[in-house]
Amino acid sequence: MTRISTMLFGVVLAAATIAATPPGGGPGGGGMPGGQTEQGVPPQQTYPMSAPAPSPTTNPQLLAMAKQWFAQLQAGKIDRSQLDTGPYGNMTDASIANAQKMIGNLGPPVSFVQQQYQVQGNVSAAIYLVTFGNGQKVDFLFAVDRQGKVAGLSLGTPH
């Protein structure tokens, strides 16, 4: 599960970073509209996909927001105005219902332990191991941009 979470962490963080980068800004943007170079070829962007080192220090603001959003997912009701305009900005009712179905009946979490933390570009992200009273656990990836908008959400399979 850790390997899957780490890969997902890298993919979601890269996607959120790309979505949060303004057109023409960011690495290799060339200042041209749409981030193209003068030759009209999109710049090559690479993002490291190696496993981020576990963070010994928990970001308290990010943890508080993650707990709030986890509770919203459990209830099946999210505040869409707080979503980033990137890939999570158009979260469907079906995806929210699926998340609620997966974690809604597990009860309130008894612990939220940060497993990984990374800042890349405009996005801060963490993976939390969420534990419930019945002993079940789920990995929860939560990412926000500098404006405090949610740039990424992902749940691992309960175990």
N, C-alpha and C. Protein backbone atom coordinates (compact mmCIF):
# COMPACT_ATOMS: atom_id res chain seq x y z
N MET A 1 0.83 -1.19 0.00
CA MET A 1 0.00 0.00 0.00
C MET A 1 0.87 1.25 0.00
N THR A 2 2.02 1.22 0.69
CA THR A 2 2.88 2.39 0.75
C THR A 2 3.41 2.74 -0.62
N ARG A 3 3.80 1.73 -1.42
CA ARG A 3 4.32 2.00 -2.76
C ARG A 3 3.24 2.66 -3.62
N ILE A 4 2.01 2.17 -3.54
CA ILE A 4 0.90 2.75 -4.31
C ILE A 4 0.64 4.17 -3.84
N SER A 5 0.64 4.39 -2.53
CA SER A 5 0.41 5.73 -1.99
C SER A 5 1.50 6.69 -2.45
N THR A 6 2.75 6.23 -2.44
CA THR A 6 3.86 7.08 -2.86
C THR A 6 3.74 7.44 -4.33
N MET A 7 3.41 6.46 -5.17
CA MET A 7 3.24 6.74 -6.60
C MET A 7 2.08 7.70 -6.80
N LEU A 8 0.97 7.46 -6.13
CA LEU A 8 -0.20 8.33 -6.25
C LEU A 8 0.14 9.73 -5.76
N PHE A 9 0.90 9.82 -4.68
CA PHE A 9 1.33 11.09 -4.12
C PHE A 9 2.09 11.90 -5.18
N GLY A 10 3.04 11.25 -5.84
CA GLY A 10 3.81 11.92 -6.88
C GLY A 10 2.96 12.35 -8.05
N VAL A 11 2.07 11.49 -8.49
CA VAL A 11 1.22 11.79 -9.64
C VAL A 11 0.26 12.93 -9.32
N VAL A 12 -0.41 12.85 -8.17
CA VAL A 12 -1.37 13.90 -7.81
C VAL A 12 -0.65 15.21 -7.58
N LEU A 13 0.50 15.17 -6.91
CA LEU A 13 1.23 16.40 -6.66
C LEU A 13 1.71 17.02 -7.96
N ALA A 14 2.19 16.22 -8.90
CA ALA A 14 2.62 16.74 -10.20
C ALA A 14 1.43 17.33 -10.95
N ALA A 15 0.31 16.63 -10.95
CA ALA A 15 -0.88 17.13 -11.66
C ALA A 15 -1.38 18.43 -11.03
N ALA A 16 -1.37 18.49 -9.71
CA ALA A 16 -1.82 19.70 -9.03
C ALA A 16 -0.86 20.85 -9.30
N THR A 17 0.43 20.56 -9.35
CA THR A 17 1.42 21.61 -9.63
C THR A 17 1.24 22.13 -11.04
N ILE A 18 1.04 21.24 -11.99
CA ILE A 18 0.84 21.65 -13.38
C ILE A 18 -0.42 22.50 -13.48
N ALA A 19 -1.49 22.07 -12.83
CA ALA A 19 -2.75 22.81 -12.90
C ALA A 19 -2.63 24.17 -12.24
N ALA A 20 -1.78 24.29 -11.22
CA ALA A 20 -1.64 25.55 -10.50
C ALA A 20 -0.65 26.50 -11.17
N THR A 21 0.09 26.03 -12.18
CA THR A 21 1.06 26.88 -12.86
C THR A 21 0.35 27.71 -13.91
N PRO A 22 0.49 29.04 -13.85
CA PRO A 22 -0.18 29.87 -14.85
C PRO A 22 0.41 29.64 -16.23
N PRO A 23 -0.40 29.78 -17.30
CA PRO A 23 0.11 29.61 -18.65
C PRO A 23 1.31 30.52 -18.88
N GLY A 24 2.36 29.93 -19.46
CA GLY A 24 3.57 30.69 -19.76
C GLY A 24 4.48 30.81 -18.56
N GLY A 25 4.01 30.43 -17.37
CA GLY A 25 4.85 30.50 -16.18
C GLY A 25 5.41 29.14 -15.89
N GLY A 26 6.27 29.06 -14.94
CA GLY A 26 6.80 27.76 -14.55
C GLY A 26 7.98 27.38 -15.39
N PRO A 27 8.58 26.22 -15.10
CA PRO A 27 9.80 25.80 -15.76
C PRO A 27 9.62 25.66 -17.27
N GLY A 28 10.51 26.26 -18.02
CA GLY A 28 10.51 26.11 -19.47
C GLY A 28 9.34 26.77 -20.15
N GLY A 29 8.63 27.65 -19.44
CA GLY A 29 7.43 28.26 -20.00
C GLY A 29 7.71 29.13 -21.20
N GLY A 30 8.90 29.70 -21.28
CA GLY A 30 9.27 30.49 -22.43
C GLY A 30 8.50 31.79 -22.55
N GLY A 31 7.58 32.06 -21.64
CA GLY A 31 6.84 33.30 -21.68
C GLY A 31 5.83 33.38 -22.80
N MET A 32 5.66 32.34 -23.58
CA MET A 32 4.71 32.33 -24.68
C MET A 32 3.36 31.85 -24.18
N PRO A 33 2.27 32.24 -24.83
CA PRO A 33 0.95 31.76 -24.42
C PRO A 33 0.90 30.23 -24.40
N GLY A 34 0.26 29.68 -23.39
CA GLY A 34 0.11 28.24 -23.29
C GLY A 34 1.40 27.54 -22.92
N GLY A 35 2.45 28.31 -22.55
CA GLY A 35 3.70 27.70 -22.13
C GLY A 35 4.51 27.16 -23.29
N GLN A 36 4.25 27.59 -24.53
CA GLN A 36 4.99 27.07 -25.67
C GLN A 36 6.29 27.85 -25.86
N THR A 37 7.26 27.20 -26.47
CA THR A 37 8.51 27.86 -26.80
C THR A 37 8.31 28.64 -28.09
N GLU A 38 9.32 29.39 -28.48
CA GLU A 38 9.20 30.19 -29.70
C GLU A 38 8.94 29.33 -30.93
N GLN A 39 9.40 28.09 -30.94
CA GLN A 39 9.18 27.21 -32.07
C GLN A 39 7.79 26.59 -32.06
N GLY A 40 6.98 26.92 -31.05
CA GLY A 40 5.62 26.39 -30.98
C GLY A 40 5.54 25.00 -30.40
N VAL A 41 6.63 24.52 -29.82
CA VAL A 41 6.66 23.18 -29.24
C VAL A 41 6.50 23.31 -27.73
N PRO A 42 5.57 22.55 -27.13
CA PRO A 42 5.43 22.63 -25.68
C PRO A 42 6.74 22.26 -25.00
N PRO A 43 7.11 22.97 -23.93
CA PRO A 43 8.36 22.67 -23.24
C PRO A 43 8.28 21.32 -22.54
N GLN A 44 9.41 20.68 -22.40
CA GLN A 44 9.50 19.39 -21.72
C GLN A 44 9.57 19.68 -20.23
N GLN A 45 8.63 19.17 -19.46
CA GLN A 45 8.66 19.36 -18.01
C GLN A 45 8.80 18.00 -17.36
N THR A 46 9.70 17.91 -16.41
CA THR A 46 9.87 16.66 -15.69
C THR A 46 9.67 16.92 -14.22
N TYR A 47 9.07 15.97 -13.55
CA TYR A 47 8.83 16.06 -12.13
C TYR A 47 9.34 14.78 -11.49
N PRO A 48 10.13 14.90 -10.44
CA PRO A 48 10.66 13.70 -9.80
C PRO A 48 9.54 12.86 -9.22
N MET A 49 9.61 11.56 -9.44
CA MET A 49 8.60 10.65 -8.91
C MET A 49 9.17 9.75 -7.82
N SER A 50 10.33 10.12 -7.30
CA SER A 50 10.90 9.32 -6.24
C SER A 50 10.08 9.52 -4.97
N ALA A 51 10.19 8.59 -4.07
CA ALA A 51 9.42 8.65 -2.84
C ALA A 51 9.88 9.82 -1.99
N PRO A 52 8.95 10.70 -1.59
CA PRO A 52 9.34 11.80 -0.71
C PRO A 52 9.69 11.25 0.67
N ALA A 53 10.62 11.90 1.32
CA ALA A 53 11.03 11.47 2.65
C ALA A 53 9.92 11.78 3.65
N PRO A 54 9.66 10.86 4.58
CA PRO A 54 8.66 11.14 5.61
C PRO A 54 9.03 12.40 6.37
N SER A 55 8.05 13.18 6.71
CA SER A 55 8.29 14.43 7.41
C SER A 55 8.13 14.21 8.91
N PRO A 56 9.17 14.53 9.68
CA PRO A 56 9.04 14.36 11.12
C PRO A 56 8.12 15.40 11.74
N THR A 57 7.89 16.51 11.04
CA THR A 57 7.07 17.58 11.55
C THR A 57 5.76 17.66 10.79
N THR A 58 4.66 17.69 11.50
CA THR A 58 3.35 17.80 10.87
C THR A 58 3.01 19.27 10.68
N ASN A 59 2.47 19.61 9.51
CA ASN A 59 2.01 20.96 9.23
C ASN A 59 0.62 21.08 9.87
N PRO A 60 0.48 21.84 10.98
CA PRO A 60 -0.80 21.87 11.71
C PRO A 60 -1.96 22.46 10.90
N GLN A 61 -1.68 23.47 10.06
CA GLN A 61 -2.75 24.06 9.26
C GLN A 61 -3.26 23.07 8.22
N LEU A 62 -2.34 22.37 7.57
CA LEU A 62 -2.72 21.39 6.56
C LEU A 62 -3.48 20.23 7.21
N LEU A 63 -3.04 19.80 8.38
CA LEU A 63 -3.72 18.72 9.10
C LEU A 63 -5.14 19.12 9.46
N ALA A 64 -5.33 20.34 9.95
CA ALA A 64 -6.68 20.81 10.31
C ALA A 64 -7.59 20.82 9.09
N MET A 65 -7.07 21.32 7.95
CA MET A 65 -7.87 21.33 6.73
C MET A 65 -8.17 19.91 6.25
N ALA A 66 -7.18 19.01 6.33
CA ALA A 66 -7.37 17.62 5.90
C ALA A 66 -8.47 16.96 6.73
N LYS A 67 -8.46 17.17 8.03
CA LYS A 67 -9.50 16.60 8.90
C LYS A 67 -10.88 17.13 8.52
N GLN A 68 -10.96 18.42 8.26
CA GLN A 68 -12.23 19.04 7.87
C GLN A 68 -12.73 18.45 6.56
N TRP A 69 -11.85 18.31 5.56
CA TRP A 69 -12.25 17.77 4.27
C TRP A 69 -12.58 16.28 4.35
N PHE A 70 -11.88 15.55 5.19
CA PHE A 70 -12.19 14.13 5.37
C PHE A 70 -13.60 13.99 5.92
N ALA A 71 -13.95 14.82 6.90
CA ALA A 71 -15.30 14.79 7.47
C ALA A 71 -16.34 15.14 6.41
N GLN A 72 -16.02 16.11 5.54
CA GLN A 72 -16.94 16.48 4.47
C GLN A 72 -17.15 15.29 3.52
N LEU A 73 -16.06 14.60 3.18
CA LEU A 73 -16.18 13.42 2.31
C LEU A 73 -17.01 12.32 2.98
N GLN A 74 -16.81 12.13 4.28
CA GLN A 74 -17.59 11.12 4.99
C GLN A 74 -19.08 11.46 4.95
N ALA A 75 -19.40 12.74 5.02
CA ALA A 75 -20.79 13.18 5.00
C ALA A 75 -21.35 13.26 3.58
N GLY A 76 -20.47 13.22 2.59
CA GLY A 76 -20.92 13.31 1.20
C GLY A 76 -21.28 14.71 0.77
N LYS A 77 -20.82 15.70 1.51
CA LYS A 77 -21.11 17.10 1.20
C LYS A 77 -19.83 17.91 1.31
N ILE A 78 -19.38 18.44 0.16
CA ILE A 78 -18.15 19.23 0.16
C ILE A 78 -18.46 20.67 -0.22
N ASP A 79 -17.56 21.56 0.14
CA ASP A 79 -17.67 22.97 -0.22
C ASP A 79 -16.91 23.18 -1.53
N ARG A 80 -17.61 23.11 -2.63
CA ARG A 80 -16.97 23.22 -3.95
C ARG A 80 -16.27 24.55 -4.17
N SER A 81 -16.67 25.59 -3.45
CA SER A 81 -16.02 26.90 -3.62
C SER A 81 -14.57 26.86 -3.14
N GLN A 82 -14.21 25.83 -2.36
CA GLN A 82 -12.85 25.72 -1.85
C GLN A 82 -11.95 24.85 -2.73
N LEU A 83 -12.47 24.39 -3.87
CA LEU A 83 -11.67 23.57 -4.78
C LEU A 83 -10.87 24.43 -5.73
N ASP A 84 -9.64 24.04 -5.97
CA ASP A 84 -8.77 24.66 -6.95
C ASP A 84 -9.40 24.49 -8.34
N THR A 85 -9.04 25.30 -9.27
CA THR A 85 -9.61 25.20 -10.62
C THR A 85 -8.97 24.10 -11.44
N GLY A 86 -8.03 23.35 -10.88
CA GLY A 86 -7.35 22.26 -11.58
C GLY A 86 -8.22 21.02 -11.68
N PRO A 87 -7.60 19.85 -11.70
CA PRO A 87 -8.33 18.61 -11.93
C PRO A 87 -9.38 18.28 -10.88
N TYR A 88 -9.28 18.86 -9.67
CA TYR A 88 -10.27 18.56 -8.64
C TYR A 88 -11.37 19.61 -8.58
N GLY A 89 -11.25 20.65 -9.38
CA GLY A 89 -12.23 21.72 -9.40
C GLY A 89 -13.58 21.27 -9.92
N ASN A 90 -13.61 20.21 -10.68
CA ASN A 90 -14.88 19.72 -11.21
C ASN A 90 -15.17 18.31 -10.68
N MET A 91 -14.97 18.13 -9.39
CA MET A 91 -15.25 16.86 -8.73
C MET A 91 -16.73 16.52 -8.94
N THR A 92 -17.00 15.33 -9.41
CA THR A 92 -18.37 14.95 -9.74
C THR A 92 -19.14 14.48 -8.50
N ASP A 93 -20.46 14.55 -8.61
CA ASP A 93 -21.31 14.03 -7.53
C ASP A 93 -21.05 12.54 -7.33
N ALA A 94 -20.78 11.82 -8.43
CA ALA A 94 -20.51 10.38 -8.33
C ALA A 94 -19.23 10.10 -7.54
N SER A 95 -18.18 10.90 -7.76
CA SER A 95 -16.94 10.66 -7.03
C SER A 95 -17.11 10.97 -5.55
N ILE A 96 -17.90 11.97 -5.23
CA ILE A 96 -18.17 12.30 -3.83
C ILE A 96 -18.99 11.18 -3.19
N ALA A 97 -19.99 10.67 -3.92
CA ALA A 97 -20.81 9.56 -3.41
C ALA A 97 -19.96 8.32 -3.20
N ASN A 98 -19.02 8.05 -4.11
CA ASN A 98 -18.13 6.89 -3.96
C ASN A 98 -17.26 7.02 -2.71
N ALA A 99 -16.74 8.23 -2.48
CA ALA A 99 -15.92 8.46 -1.29
C ALA A 99 -16.76 8.25 -0.03
N GLN A 100 -17.97 8.78 -0.03
CA GLN A 100 -18.84 8.62 1.13
C GLN A 100 -19.16 7.14 1.36
N LYS A 101 -19.42 6.41 0.30
CA LYS A 101 -19.72 4.97 0.42
C LYS A 101 -18.52 4.23 1.02
N MET A 102 -17.32 4.65 0.65
CA MET A 102 -16.11 3.97 1.09
C MET A 102 -15.79 4.25 2.56
N ILE A 103 -15.97 5.50 3.01
CA ILE A 103 -15.53 5.87 4.36
C ILE A 103 -16.65 6.36 5.28
N GLY A 104 -17.83 6.57 4.73
CA GLY A 104 -18.93 7.16 5.49
C GLY A 104 -19.37 6.37 6.69
N ASN A 105 -19.30 5.05 6.63
CA ASN A 105 -19.79 4.20 7.72
C ASN A 105 -18.69 3.75 8.67
N LEU A 106 -17.48 4.30 8.53
CA LEU A 106 -16.38 3.88 9.38
C LEU A 106 -16.36 4.61 10.72
N GLY A 107 -17.21 5.63 10.86
CA GLY A 107 -17.24 6.41 12.09
C GLY A 107 -16.16 7.47 12.11
N PRO A 108 -16.12 8.25 13.17
CA PRO A 108 -15.11 9.31 13.24
C PRO A 108 -13.71 8.72 13.39
N PRO A 109 -12.74 9.33 12.75
CA PRO A 109 -11.35 8.85 12.90
C PRO A 109 -10.88 9.01 14.35
N VAL A 110 -10.06 8.04 14.80
CA VAL A 110 -9.46 8.16 16.12
C VAL A 110 -8.04 8.70 16.02
N SER A 111 -7.44 8.62 14.82
CA SER A 111 -6.13 9.24 14.64
C SER A 111 -5.91 9.59 13.17
N PHE A 112 -5.11 10.62 12.97
CA PHE A 112 -4.70 11.13 11.67
C PHE A 112 -3.19 11.28 11.76
N VAL A 113 -2.42 10.37 11.20
CA VAL A 113 -0.96 10.43 11.33
C VAL A 113 -0.35 10.73 9.97
N GLN A 114 0.42 11.82 9.93
CA GLN A 114 1.07 12.21 8.68
C GLN A 114 2.16 11.21 8.34
N GLN A 115 2.07 10.63 7.13
CA GLN A 115 3.06 9.67 6.66
C GLN A 115 4.11 10.34 5.76
N GLN A 116 3.65 11.28 4.94
CA GLN A 116 4.54 11.97 4.01
C GLN A 116 4.07 13.41 3.87
N TYR A 117 5.02 14.28 3.56
CA TYR A 117 4.70 15.69 3.34
C TYR A 117 5.66 16.21 2.29
N GLN A 118 5.13 17.00 1.36
CA GLN A 118 5.99 17.55 0.32
C GLN A 118 5.41 18.86 -0.18
N VAL A 119 6.29 19.79 -0.50
CA VAL A 119 5.91 21.03 -1.15
C VAL A 119 6.57 21.02 -2.51
N GLN A 120 5.77 21.23 -3.53
CA GLN A 120 6.30 21.28 -4.89
C GLN A 120 5.62 22.45 -5.60
N GLY A 121 6.41 23.44 -5.98
CA GLY A 121 5.84 24.60 -6.64
C GLY A 121 4.85 25.30 -5.75
N ASN A 122 3.64 25.42 -6.22
CA ASN A 122 2.55 26.14 -5.55
C ASN A 122 1.71 25.24 -4.65
N VAL A 123 2.10 23.98 -4.49
CA VAL A 123 1.23 23.00 -3.81
C VAL A 123 1.93 22.34 -2.62
N SER A 124 1.22 22.27 -1.50
CA SER A 124 1.67 21.51 -0.32
C SER A 124 0.76 20.30 -0.21
N ALA A 125 1.35 19.14 0.00
CA ALA A 125 0.56 17.92 0.07
C ALA A 125 1.06 16.99 1.17
N ALA A 126 0.15 16.21 1.70
CA ALA A 126 0.51 15.23 2.72
C ALA A 126 -0.35 13.98 2.52
N ILE A 127 0.21 12.86 2.94
CA ILE A 127 -0.55 11.62 3.03
C ILE A 127 -0.68 11.31 4.51
N TYR A 128 -1.92 11.10 4.91
CA TYR A 128 -2.22 10.77 6.31
C TYR A 128 -2.72 9.33 6.39
N LEU A 129 -2.32 8.63 7.42
CA LEU A 129 -2.89 7.32 7.72
C LEU A 129 -4.00 7.59 8.73
N VAL A 130 -5.24 7.38 8.30
CA VAL A 130 -6.40 7.65 9.13
C VAL A 130 -6.86 6.32 9.73
N THR A 131 -6.97 6.28 11.05
CA THR A 131 -7.37 5.06 11.75
C THR A 131 -8.72 5.30 12.43
N PHE A 132 -9.55 4.25 12.40
CA PHE A 132 -10.90 4.31 12.96
C PHE A 132 -11.00 3.41 14.19
N GLY A 133 -12.06 3.59 14.97
CA GLY A 133 -12.26 2.83 16.20
C GLY A 133 -12.31 1.33 16.00
N ASN A 134 -12.76 0.88 14.83
CA ASN A 134 -12.84 -0.56 14.56
C ASN A 134 -11.51 -1.14 14.07
N GLY A 135 -10.46 -0.30 14.02
CA GLY A 135 -9.15 -0.76 13.60
C GLY A 135 -8.86 -0.58 12.12
N GLN A 136 -9.88 -0.28 11.32
CA GLN A 136 -9.64 -0.07 9.90
C GLN A 136 -8.82 1.19 9.69
N LYS A 137 -8.03 1.19 8.61
CA LYS A 137 -7.18 2.31 8.27
C LYS A 137 -7.35 2.64 6.80
N VAL A 138 -7.14 3.91 6.46
CA VAL A 138 -7.21 4.35 5.07
C VAL A 138 -6.16 5.44 4.87
N ASP A 139 -5.49 5.42 3.72
CA ASP A 139 -4.57 6.49 3.36
C ASP A 139 -5.37 7.62 2.73
N PHE A 140 -5.07 8.85 3.14
CA PHE A 140 -5.77 10.03 2.63
C PHE A 140 -4.75 11.05 2.16
N LEU A 141 -4.73 11.29 0.86
CA LEU A 141 -3.86 12.31 0.30
C LEU A 141 -4.63 13.61 0.24
N PHE A 142 -4.03 14.68 0.73
CA PHE A 142 -4.67 15.99 0.75
C PHE A 142 -3.65 17.03 0.33
N ALA A 143 -4.01 17.85 -0.67
CA ALA A 143 -3.10 18.87 -1.19
C ALA A 143 -3.82 20.20 -1.33
N VAL A 144 -3.12 21.29 -1.01
CA VAL A 144 -3.67 22.63 -1.17
C VAL A 144 -2.66 23.52 -1.88
N ASP A 145 -3.19 24.53 -2.59
CA ASP A 145 -2.30 25.50 -3.23
C ASP A 145 -2.04 26.65 -2.25
N ARG A 146 -1.23 27.60 -2.67
CA ARG A 146 -0.87 28.72 -1.78
C ARG A 146 -2.05 29.60 -1.40
N GLN A 147 -3.10 29.57 -2.20
CA GLN A 147 -4.30 30.35 -1.89
C GLN A 147 -5.22 29.61 -0.91
N GLY A 148 -4.84 28.40 -0.52
CA GLY A 148 -5.65 27.62 0.40
C GLY A 148 -6.75 26.82 -0.27
N LYS A 149 -6.73 26.76 -1.59
CA LYS A 149 -7.72 25.98 -2.33
C LYS A 149 -7.25 24.53 -2.40
N VAL A 150 -8.20 23.60 -2.33
CA VAL A 150 -7.87 22.18 -2.39
C VAL A 150 -7.44 21.82 -3.81
N ALA A 151 -6.20 21.34 -3.92
CA ALA A 151 -5.62 20.99 -5.22
C ALA A 151 -5.56 19.49 -5.44
N GLY A 152 -5.87 18.69 -4.43
CA GLY A 152 -5.83 17.24 -4.59
C GLY A 152 -6.45 16.52 -3.42
N LEU A 153 -7.23 15.50 -3.72
CA LEU A 153 -7.85 14.62 -2.73
C LEU A 153 -7.77 13.20 -3.25
N SER A 154 -7.43 12.26 -2.40
CA SER A 154 -7.43 10.88 -2.83
C SER A 154 -7.51 9.98 -1.61
N LEU A 155 -8.30 8.91 -1.74
CA LEU A 155 -8.44 7.92 -0.68
C LEU A 155 -7.86 6.60 -1.13
N GLY A 156 -7.12 5.95 -0.24
CA GLY A 156 -6.67 4.60 -0.51
C GLY A 156 -7.74 3.62 -0.07
N THR A 157 -7.62 2.39 -0.46
CA THR A 157 -8.59 1.37 -0.06
C THR A 157 -8.46 1.09 1.42
N PRO A 158 -9.58 1.06 2.17
CA PRO A 158 -9.47 0.75 3.60
C PRO A 158 -8.80 -0.61 3.82
N HIS A 159 -7.98 -0.68 4.85
CA HIS A 159 -7.29 -1.94 5.19
C HIS A 159 -7.27 -2.13 6.68
